[in-house]
């Protein structure tokens, strides 16, 4: 398991990106119950720590896009930001930032 934590600009908190072959260690560290046979990646927020975690087992950009949507929505809910389909610039910015951070992390592997 490899991980990297970066501060989230504008919206506060931090993003932890994890690359793993098995969710057992992630489950142990974060007290989660991600099942290896069911998930290729998971997203969750650590309660009270302001940390959003994405743990990736299978590197596939459709999976990463899927998990990024969950991350953006989780961050917006926590910050009280309303999704706006007319002015989606905040959503597009945060989506691009998360994908870029995941891409940089994966290239470092």
C-alpha atoms as a PDB file:
ATOM      1  CA  UNK A   1       0.000   0.000   0.000  1.00  0.00           C
ATOM      2  CA  UNK A   2       1.262   3.445  -0.941  1.00  0.00           C
ATOM      3  CA  UNK A   3      -0.394   6.732  -0.048  1.00  0.00           C
ATOM      4  CA  UNK A   4      -0.071  10.468  -0.359  1.00  0.00           C
ATOM      5  CA  UNK A   5      -1.955  13.226   1.455  1.00  0.00           C
ATOM      6  CA  UNK A   6      -2.382  16.725   0.040  1.00  0.00           C
ATOM      7  CA  UNK A   7      -4.285  19.781   1.304  1.00  0.00           C
ATOM      8  CA  UNK A   8      -7.466  20.571  -0.619  1.00  0.00           C
ATOM      9  CA  UNK A   9      -7.359  24.152  -1.968  1.00  0.00           C
ATOM     10  CA  UNK A  10     -10.306  26.499  -1.381  1.00  0.00           C
ATOM     11  CA  UNK A  11     -12.560  23.871   0.241  1.00  0.00           C
ATOM     12  CA  UNK A  12     -10.255  22.932   3.134  1.00  0.00           C
ATOM     13  CA  UNK A  13      -9.509  19.490   4.487  1.00  0.00           C
ATOM     14  CA  UNK A  14      -7.100  17.063   2.935  1.00  0.00           C
ATOM     15  CA  UNK A  15      -7.206  14.389   0.262  1.00  0.00           C
ATOM     16  CA  UNK A  16      -5.490  11.059   0.838  1.00  0.00           C
ATOM     17  CA  UNK A  17      -4.883   8.929  -2.233  1.00  0.00           C
ATOM     18  CA  UNK A  18      -4.075   5.264  -1.662  1.00  0.00           C
ATOM     19  CA  UNK A  19      -2.887   2.666  -4.128  1.00  0.00           C
ATOM     20  CA  UNK A  20      -3.344  -0.882  -2.891  1.00  0.00           C
ATOM     21  CA  UNK A  21      -3.702  -4.468  -4.051  1.00  0.00           C
ATOM     22  CA  UNK A  22      -5.893  -5.342  -1.090  1.00  0.00           C
ATOM     23  CA  UNK A  23      -8.226  -3.296   1.108  1.00  0.00           C
ATOM     24  CA  UNK A  24      -7.276  -5.177   4.310  1.00  0.00           C
ATOM     25  CA  UNK A  25      -4.680  -2.629   5.394  1.00  0.00           C
ATOM     26  CA  UNK A  26      -6.961   0.288   4.442  1.00  0.00           C
ATOM     27  CA  UNK A  27      -9.751  -1.293   6.495  1.00  0.00           C
ATOM     28  CA  UNK A  28      -7.426  -1.735   9.454  1.00  0.00           C
ATOM     29  CA  UNK A  29      -6.075   1.814   9.395  1.00  0.00           C
ATOM     30  CA  UNK A  30      -9.382   3.586   8.707  1.00  0.00           C
ATOM     31  CA  UNK A  31     -11.823   1.157  10.375  1.00  0.00           C
ATOM     32  CA  UNK A  32     -13.697   0.606   7.095  1.00  0.00           C
ATOM     33  CA  UNK A  33     -15.198  -2.527   5.592  1.00  0.00           C
ATOM     34  CA  UNK A  34     -14.287  -2.349   1.912  1.00  0.00           C
ATOM     35  CA  UNK A  35     -14.569  -5.794   0.353  1.00  0.00           C
ATOM     36  CA  UNK A  36     -11.922  -6.822  -2.157  1.00  0.00           C
ATOM     37  CA  UNK A  37     -14.313  -8.861  -4.269  1.00  0.00           C
ATOM     38  CA  UNK A  38     -16.895  -6.048  -4.516  1.00  0.00           C
ATOM     39  CA  UNK A  39     -14.863  -2.875  -5.043  1.00  0.00           C
ATOM     40  CA  UNK A  40     -12.156  -1.699  -7.406  1.00  0.00           C
ATOM     41  CA  UNK A  41     -11.894   1.588  -5.484  1.00  0.00           C
ATOM     42  CA  UNK A  42     -13.560   3.220  -2.493  1.00  0.00           C
ATOM     43  CA  UNK A  43     -14.101   6.745  -1.200  1.00  0.00           C
ATOM     44  CA  UNK A  44     -14.860   7.789   2.358  1.00  0.00           C
ATOM     45  CA  UNK A  45     -14.457  10.691   4.757  1.00  0.00           C
ATOM     46  CA  UNK A  46     -12.743  10.268   8.082  1.00  0.00           C
ATOM     47  CA  UNK A  47     -15.069  11.600  10.743  1.00  0.00           C
ATOM     48  CA  UNK A  48     -13.731  14.593  12.568  1.00  0.00           C
ATOM     49  CA  UNK A  49     -10.388  14.641  10.744  1.00  0.00           C
ATOM     50  CA  UNK A  50     -11.360  16.603   7.624  1.00  0.00           C
ATOM     51  CA  UNK A  51      -9.776  13.918   5.483  1.00  0.00           C
ATOM     52  CA  UNK A  52     -11.278  12.533   2.282  1.00  0.00           C
ATOM     53  CA  UNK A  53      -9.803   9.216   1.197  1.00  0.00           C
ATOM     54  CA  UNK A  54      -9.799   7.461  -2.157  1.00  0.00           C
ATOM     55  CA  UNK A  55      -8.312   3.962  -2.124  1.00  0.00           C
ATOM     56  CA  UNK A  56      -7.672   2.577  -5.602  1.00  0.00           C
ATOM     57  CA  UNK A  57      -7.177  -1.115  -6.228  1.00  0.00           C
ATOM     58  CA  UNK A  58      -7.757  -1.167 -10.000  1.00  0.00           C
ATOM     59  CA  UNK A  59      -6.321   1.715 -12.026  1.00  0.00           C
ATOM     60  CA  UNK A  60      -8.931   2.447 -14.651  1.00  0.00           C
ATOM     61  CA  UNK A  61      -9.883   6.010 -15.550  1.00  0.00           C
ATOM     62  CA  UNK A  62     -13.612   5.232 -15.644  1.00  0.00           C
ATOM     63  CA  UNK A  63     -13.319   4.027 -12.037  1.00  0.00           C
ATOM     64  CA  UNK A  64     -11.273   7.083 -11.063  1.00  0.00           C
ATOM     65  CA  UNK A  65     -13.844   9.377 -12.717  1.00  0.00           C
ATOM     66  CA  UNK A  66     -16.610   7.583 -10.825  1.00  0.00           C
ATOM     67  CA  UNK A  67     -14.834   7.953  -7.468  1.00  0.00           C
ATOM     68  CA  UNK A  68     -13.986  11.598  -8.211  1.00  0.00           C
ATOM     69  CA  UNK A  69     -17.707  12.379  -8.519  1.00  0.00           C
ATOM     70  CA  UNK A  70     -18.216  10.885  -5.054  1.00  0.00           C
ATOM     71  CA  UNK A  71     -15.313  12.928  -3.663  1.00  0.00           C
ATOM     72  CA  UNK A  72     -16.562  16.206  -5.122  1.00  0.00           C
ATOM     73  CA  UNK A  73     -20.060  15.601  -3.781  1.00  0.00           C
ATOM     74  CA  UNK A  74     -18.734  14.650  -0.329  1.00  0.00           C
ATOM     75  CA  UNK A  75     -16.556  17.763  -0.156  1.00  0.00           C
ATOM     76  CA  UNK A  76     -19.380  20.025  -1.350  1.00  0.00           C
ATOM     77  CA  UNK A  77     -21.815  18.522   1.175  1.00  0.00           C
ATOM     78  CA  UNK A  78     -19.337  19.051   4.006  1.00  0.00           C
ATOM     79  CA  UNK A  79     -18.670  22.657   2.928  1.00  0.00           C
ATOM     80  CA  UNK A  80     -22.315  23.491   2.215  1.00  0.00           C
ATOM     81  CA  UNK A  81     -21.691  24.138  -1.489  1.00  0.00           C
ATOM     82  CA  UNK A  82     -24.713  23.652  -3.748  1.00  0.00           C
ATOM     83  CA  UNK A  83     -24.160  21.988  -7.116  1.00  0.00           C
ATOM     84  CA  UNK A  84     -25.226  24.443  -9.824  1.00  0.00           C
ATOM     85  CA  UNK A  85     -25.859  23.130 -13.333  1.00  0.00           C
ATOM     86  CA  UNK A  86     -25.856  26.674 -14.742  1.00  0.00           C
ATOM     87  CA  UNK A  87     -22.575  27.714 -13.100  1.00  0.00           C
ATOM     88  CA  UNK A  88     -20.677  24.453 -12.750  1.00  0.00           C
ATOM     89  CA  UNK A  89     -17.243  26.080 -12.594  1.00  0.00           C
ATOM     90  CA  UNK A  90     -16.674  25.192  -8.892  1.00  0.00           C
ATOM     91  CA  UNK A  91     -17.550  21.560  -9.611  1.00  0.00           C
ATOM     92  CA  UNK A  92     -15.368  21.476 -12.744  1.00  0.00           C
ATOM     93  CA  UNK A  93     -12.434  23.062 -10.875  1.00  0.00           C
ATOM     94  CA  UNK A  94     -12.528  20.591  -7.973  1.00  0.00           C
ATOM     95  CA  UNK A  95     -13.045  17.627 -10.320  1.00  0.00           C
ATOM     96  CA  UNK A  96     -10.025  18.632 -12.395  1.00  0.00           C
ATOM     97  CA  UNK A  97      -7.902  19.213  -9.312  1.00  0.00           C
ATOM     98  CA  UNK A  98      -8.730  15.782  -7.822  1.00  0.00           C
ATOM     99  CA  UNK A  99      -8.091  13.951 -11.106  1.00  0.00           C
ATOM    100  CA  UNK A 100      -4.794  15.803 -11.527  1.00  0.00           C
ATOM    101  CA  UNK A 101      -3.677  14.848  -7.996  1.00  0.00           C
ATOM    102  CA  UNK A 102      -4.573  11.196  -8.593  1.00  0.00           C
ATOM    103  CA  UNK A 103      -2.746  11.249 -11.930  1.00  0.00           C
ATOM    104  CA  UNK A 104       0.418  12.745 -10.362  1.00  0.00           C
ATOM    105  CA  UNK A 105       0.284  10.174  -7.543  1.00  0.00           C
ATOM    106  CA  UNK A 106      -0.090   7.240  -9.933  1.00  0.00           C
ATOM    107  CA  UNK A 107       2.795   8.470 -12.102  1.00  0.00           C
ATOM    108  CA  UNK A 108       5.020   8.529  -8.990  1.00  0.00           C
ATOM    109  CA  UNK A 109       4.401   4.815  -8.419  1.00  0.00           C
END
